[in-house]
Protein backbone atom coordinates (compact mmCIF):
# COMPACT_ATOMS: atom_id res chain seq x y z
CA UNK A 1 -0.29 0.27 0.10
CA UNK A 2 1.13 3.83 -0.53
CA UNK A 3 0.50 6.13 2.29
CA UNK A 4 -2.58 6.58 3.65
CA UNK A 5 -4.33 5.31 0.21
CA UNK A 6 -7.12 2.58 0.43
CA UNK A 7 -6.56 1.02 -2.65
CA UNK A 8 -3.47 -0.91 -3.78
CA UNK A 9 -1.78 0.61 -6.43
CA UNK A 10 1.57 -0.66 -8.22
CA UNK A 11 3.52 0.49 -11.42
CA UNK A 12 5.43 -1.94 -13.47
CA UNK A 13 7.87 -0.76 -16.30
CA UNK A 14 8.56 -2.20 -20.07
CA UNK A 15 12.34 -1.29 -20.33
CA UNK A 16 12.12 -2.06 -23.79
CA UNK A 17 9.71 0.59 -24.54
CA UNK A 18 9.80 2.77 -21.86
CA UNK A 19 5.92 1.92 -20.97
CA UNK A 20 4.16 1.85 -17.66
CA UNK A 21 1.51 -0.42 -16.62
CA UNK A 22 -0.58 0.28 -13.54
CA UNK A 23 -2.23 -2.35 -11.13
CA UNK A 24 -5.31 -1.01 -8.99
CA UNK A 25 -6.51 -3.29 -6.73
CA UNK A 26 -10.03 -2.20 -3.89
CA UNK A 27 -10.16 -3.13 -0.71
CA UNK A 28 -12.11 -6.61 -1.90
CA UNK A 29 -9.23 -7.94 -3.84
CA UNK A 30 -10.57 -6.98 -7.27
CA UNK A 31 -8.36 -5.12 -9.27
CA UNK A 32 -7.95 -3.27 -12.67
CA UNK A 33 -4.70 -3.46 -15.35
CA UNK A 34 -4.19 -0.28 -17.65
CA UNK A 35 -2.26 -0.53 -20.41
CA UNK A 36 -0.89 -3.64 -19.75
CA UNK A 37 1.95 -5.36 -22.44
CA UNK A 38 2.64 -8.55 -23.62
CA UNK A 39 5.98 -9.12 -22.55
CA UNK A 40 4.64 -8.12 -18.72
CA UNK A 41 1.71 -10.61 -18.54
CA UNK A 42 3.97 -12.93 -15.93
CA UNK A 43 4.85 -10.05 -13.95
CA UNK A 44 1.05 -8.86 -13.87
CA UNK A 45 0.45 -13.22 -13.07
CA UNK A 46 2.89 -12.82 -10.29
CA UNK A 47 1.66 -9.80 -8.83
CA UNK A 48 -2.35 -10.57 -8.80
CA UNK A 49 -0.86 -14.14 -6.94
CA UNK A 50 1.25 -12.24 -4.27
CA UNK A 51 -1.79 -10.35 -3.43
CA UNK A 52 -4.75 -12.94 -3.61
CA UNK A 53 -6.63 -10.29 -6.70
CA UNK A 54 -8.84 -11.08 -8.85
CA UNK A 55 -8.29 -9.10 -12.21
CA UNK A 56 -11.83 -7.64 -13.32
CA UNK A 57 -10.74 -5.23 -15.81
CA UNK A 58 -7.82 -4.38 -18.29
CA UNK A 59 -7.85 -0.95 -20.02
CA UNK A 60 -5.75 0.50 -22.97
CA UNK A 61 -5.85 4.27 -23.21
CA UNK A 62 -5.70 4.10 -27.16
CA UNK A 63 -4.48 2.20 -29.53
CA UNK A 64 -0.44 1.47 -28.73
CA UNK A 65 2.15 2.17 -31.81
CA UNK A 66 5.07 0.64 -29.82
CA UNK A 67 4.38 -2.25 -28.35
CA UNK A 68 1.67 -5.48 -27.92
CA UNK A 69 -1.26 -4.99 -25.77
CA UNK A 70 -1.76 -7.64 -23.26
CA UNK A 71 -5.76 -7.38 -23.20
CA UNK A 72 -6.58 -9.83 -25.01
CA UNK A 73 -4.11 -12.47 -23.43
CA UNK A 74 -5.24 -11.27 -19.61
CA UNK A 75 -9.20 -11.78 -20.90
CA UNK A 76 -8.04 -15.58 -22.12
CA UNK A 77 -6.62 -16.20 -18.99
CA UNK A 78 -8.70 -14.25 -15.72
CA UNK A 79 -12.16 -14.11 -18.10
CA UNK A 80 -11.99 -10.01 -17.30
CA UNK A 81 -13.78 -7.38 -19.28
CA UNK A 82 -11.44 -5.64 -22.04
CA UNK A 83 -12.00 -2.04 -22.38
CA UNK A 84 -11.23 1.25 -24.22
CA UNK A 85 -12.41 4.22 -25.78
CA UNK A 86 -15.80 4.73 -27.66
CA UNK A 87 -13.18 5.93 -30.77
CA UNK A 88 -11.19 2.67 -30.87
CA UNK A 89 -11.93 1.02 -34.11
CA UNK A 90 -11.13 -2.12 -31.74
CA UNK A 91 -14.05 -5.23 -32.06
CA UNK A 92 -12.07 -7.43 -30.06
CA UNK A 93 -12.83 -5.47 -26.48
CA UNK A 94 -15.52 -6.37 -24.15
CA UNK A 95 -16.77 -2.93 -23.15
CA UNK A 96 -16.34 0.59 -24.98
CA UNK A 97 -15.88 3.86 -22.56
CA UNK A 98 -17.38 7.00 -23.50
CA UNK A 99 -16.28 10.41 -22.64
CA UNK A 100 -17.27 11.27 -18.15
CA UNK A 101 -18.51 7.80 -18.04
CA UNK A 102 -17.45 5.85 -14.41
CA UNK A 103 -16.11 2.70 -14.21
CA UNK A 104 -16.66 1.63 -10.86
CA UNK A 105 -14.43 -1.23 -9.41
CA UNK A 106 -16.35 -2.12 -6.11
CA UNK A 107 -15.37 1.63 -3.44
CA UNK A 108 -12.93 3.03 -6.22
CA UNK A 109 -14.89 5.26 -8.73
CA UNK A 110 -12.79 5.95 -12.06
CA UNK A 111 -13.60 8.61 -14.22
CA UNK A 112 -13.10 8.04 -17.79
CA UNK A 113 -11.82 11.60 -19.89
CA UNK A 114 -11.59 11.72 -24.38
CA UNK A 115 -8.44 13.18 -24.79
CA UNK A 116 -7.65 13.16 -28.70
CA UNK A 117 -4.83 14.88 -30.09
CA UNK A 118 -1.89 11.97 -29.52
CA UNK A 119 -4.52 9.81 -31.26
CA UNK A 120 -8.18 10.21 -31.77
CA UNK A 121 -9.19 7.48 -29.65
CA UNK A 122 -6.67 8.53 -26.89
CA UNK A 123 -8.51 8.59 -23.21
CA UNK A 124 -7.06 9.44 -19.85
CA UNK A 125 -8.56 8.21 -16.66
CA UNK A 126 -9.13 9.72 -13.44
CA UNK A 127 -9.22 7.84 -9.51
CA UNK A 128 -9.95 9.64 -6.47
CA UNK A 129 -9.09 8.25 -3.41
CA UNK A 130 -8.64 9.06 0.30
CA UNK A 131 -8.60 12.63 -0.82
CA UNK A 132 -5.96 11.91 -3.28
CA UNK A 133 -6.76 11.72 -7.13
CA UNK A 134 -4.78 10.40 -9.65
CA UNK A 135 -4.70 10.87 -13.61
CA UNK A 136 -3.48 7.83 -15.71
CA UNK A 137 -2.72 10.15 -18.43
CA UNK A 138 -1.84 7.76 -21.20
CA UNK A 139 0.01 9.51 -23.89
CA UNK A 140 -1.42 12.86 -23.38
CA UNK A 141 0.33 14.21 -20.95
CA UNK A 142 3.78 12.92 -19.97
CA UNK A 143 6.45 14.23 -17.79
CA UNK A 144 8.07 17.25 -19.35
CA UNK A 145 6.37 16.77 -22.03
CA UNK A 146 3.21 15.13 -23.92
CA UNK A 147 2.43 12.61 -26.52
CA UNK A 148 3.60 12.63 -30.34
CA UNK A 149 0.92 13.57 -32.98
CA UNK A 150 1.98 12.75 -35.89
CA UNK A 151 0.03 9.63 -36.54
CA UNK A 152 -2.62 7.92 -35.90
CA UNK A 153 -5.18 10.83 -36.82
CA UNK A 154 -3.05 12.76 -34.37
CA UNK A 155 -3.81 16.97 -34.13
CA UNK A 156 -2.00 19.06 -32.19
CA UNK A 157 -4.59 21.62 -32.20
CA UNK A 158 -6.67 18.89 -30.15
CA UNK A 159 -3.71 17.80 -28.00
CA UNK A 160 -3.26 21.94 -26.63
CA UNK A 161 -7.27 21.67 -26.18
CA UNK A 162 -7.17 18.19 -24.54
CA UNK A 163 -4.28 19.33 -21.98
CA UNK A 164 -5.96 22.98 -21.43
CA UNK A 165 -9.39 22.07 -21.17
CA UNK A 166 -9.40 18.79 -19.68
CA UNK A 167 -6.27 17.97 -18.12
CA UNK A 168 -5.18 21.33 -16.51
CA UNK A 169 -8.11 22.35 -15.20
CA UNK A 170 -8.19 19.53 -12.81
CA UNK A 171 -6.63 20.53 -9.14
CA UNK A 172 -2.72 21.14 -8.42
CA UNK A 173 -2.18 18.22 -6.91
CA UNK A 174 -3.32 15.49 -9.08
CA UNK A 175 -0.71 13.07 -9.24
CA UNK A 176 0.15 12.03 -12.99
CA UNK A 177 0.98 8.55 -13.78
CA UNK A 178 2.17 8.33 -17.75
CA UNK A 179 2.11 5.69 -20.14
CA UNK A 180 5.75 6.21 -20.82
CA UNK A 181 8.96 8.24 -19.58
CA UNK A 182 12.53 7.89 -20.92
CA UNK A 183 14.34 9.73 -18.48
CA UNK A 184 13.48 7.30 -15.48
CA UNK A 185 10.87 9.28 -14.05
CA UNK A 186 7.80 7.26 -12.47
CA UNK A 187 4.91 10.47 -11.68
CA UNK A 188 4.08 14.31 -11.77
CA UNK A 189 1.80 16.62 -10.25
CA UNK A 190 -0.59 18.87 -12.26
CA UNK A 191 1.15 21.79 -10.32
CA UNK A 192 4.98 20.05 -11.30
CA UNK A 193 3.33 20.11 -15.27
CA UNK A 194 2.85 23.76 -14.91
CA UNK A 195 5.94 25.03 -13.37
CA UNK A 196 8.21 22.51 -15.52
CA UNK A 197 6.80 21.53 -18.76
CA UNK A 198 7.57 24.20 -21.17
CA UNK A 199 4.87 23.11 -23.75
CA UNK A 200 2.02 24.06 -21.72
CA UNK A 201 3.34 27.30 -20.97
CA UNK A 202 3.19 27.86 -24.75
CA UNK A 203 0.38 29.74 -27.06
CA UNK A 204 -1.91 27.76 -29.03
CA UNK A 205 -0.14 28.26 -32.63
CA UNK A 206 3.06 28.00 -31.05
CA UNK A 207 1.95 24.86 -30.16
CA UNK A 208 1.22 23.69 -33.48
CA UNK A 209 4.03 24.86 -35.14
CA UNK A 210 6.22 23.16 -32.46
CA UNK A 211 4.52 20.10 -32.69
CA UNK A 212 4.58 19.55 -36.19
CA UNK A 213 8.13 20.41 -36.59
CA UNK A 214 9.79 17.75 -34.11
CA UNK A 215 10.26 15.09 -36.92
CA UNK A 216 10.68 12.17 -34.48
CA UNK A 217 11.64 9.04 -35.40
CA UNK A 218 8.78 5.94 -36.15
CA UNK A 219 8.07 3.93 -33.65
CA UNK A 220 10.10 0.80 -34.69
CA UNK A 221 6.87 -1.82 -34.56
CA UNK A 222 4.52 0.47 -35.49
CA UNK A 223 2.90 -1.63 -38.51
CA UNK A 224 3.18 -4.71 -36.76
CA UNK A 225 1.92 -2.99 -32.97
CA UNK A 226 -1.34 -1.08 -34.31
CA UNK A 227 -2.84 -3.80 -36.42
CA UNK A 228 -2.10 -6.18 -33.68
CA UNK A 229 -4.00 -4.30 -30.91
CA UNK A 230 -6.73 -3.90 -33.15
CA UNK A 231 -7.05 -7.48 -32.41
CA UNK A 232 -6.15 -6.75 -28.24
CA UNK A 233 -2.73 -8.66 -29.19
CA UNK A 234 -4.14 -12.15 -29.91
CA UNK A 235 -2.20 -13.38 -33.32
CA UNK A 236 -4.66 -14.80 -35.59
């Protein structure tokens, strides 16, 4: 347990892609996994067994382009529900979720927030527990950065709006857990990002021009990952 939290929260890192996954469990030992990676399934299984947890939900914040999701495998192993936003063009999931919809894990309420921009199906998930608030921000908001916008119908204008109209309006003490970090940081807060993330201080036109000029290297697995992730990571 972390501090005085009523819930169990564990962070996993897939070193090859610097992807973070999150295991959250209620007091009744029901659990949810956010952004699980196929190669890390044994780690999740070990932790679920260690804490005697029953996996109820597996969520992807969007269709990932740099790794293969574990959604399908977890569904087959644990008979859990698999969930993505309604904008995701994925037919293998158990349930689509929409902007503002709440997901309940016993006493835990998780609010889905549609935040397009990195991709056209990107979501963040907001969780409240014991006066603490957590945002699992996917690739929308990273630590001192944000997700790229140059594939999967990314749009810097929409990302600017998602950041400023959906995320930065949250309480300053909200703890941010992103889907990636490439420098070893594990979490941040809204307040810290307002101070340290220079991209958030840009006006909209400057931000759009900045994002359009990044010229980033294409993810190595994008051709394989996107198509497989639309099948929940299951090779047919």
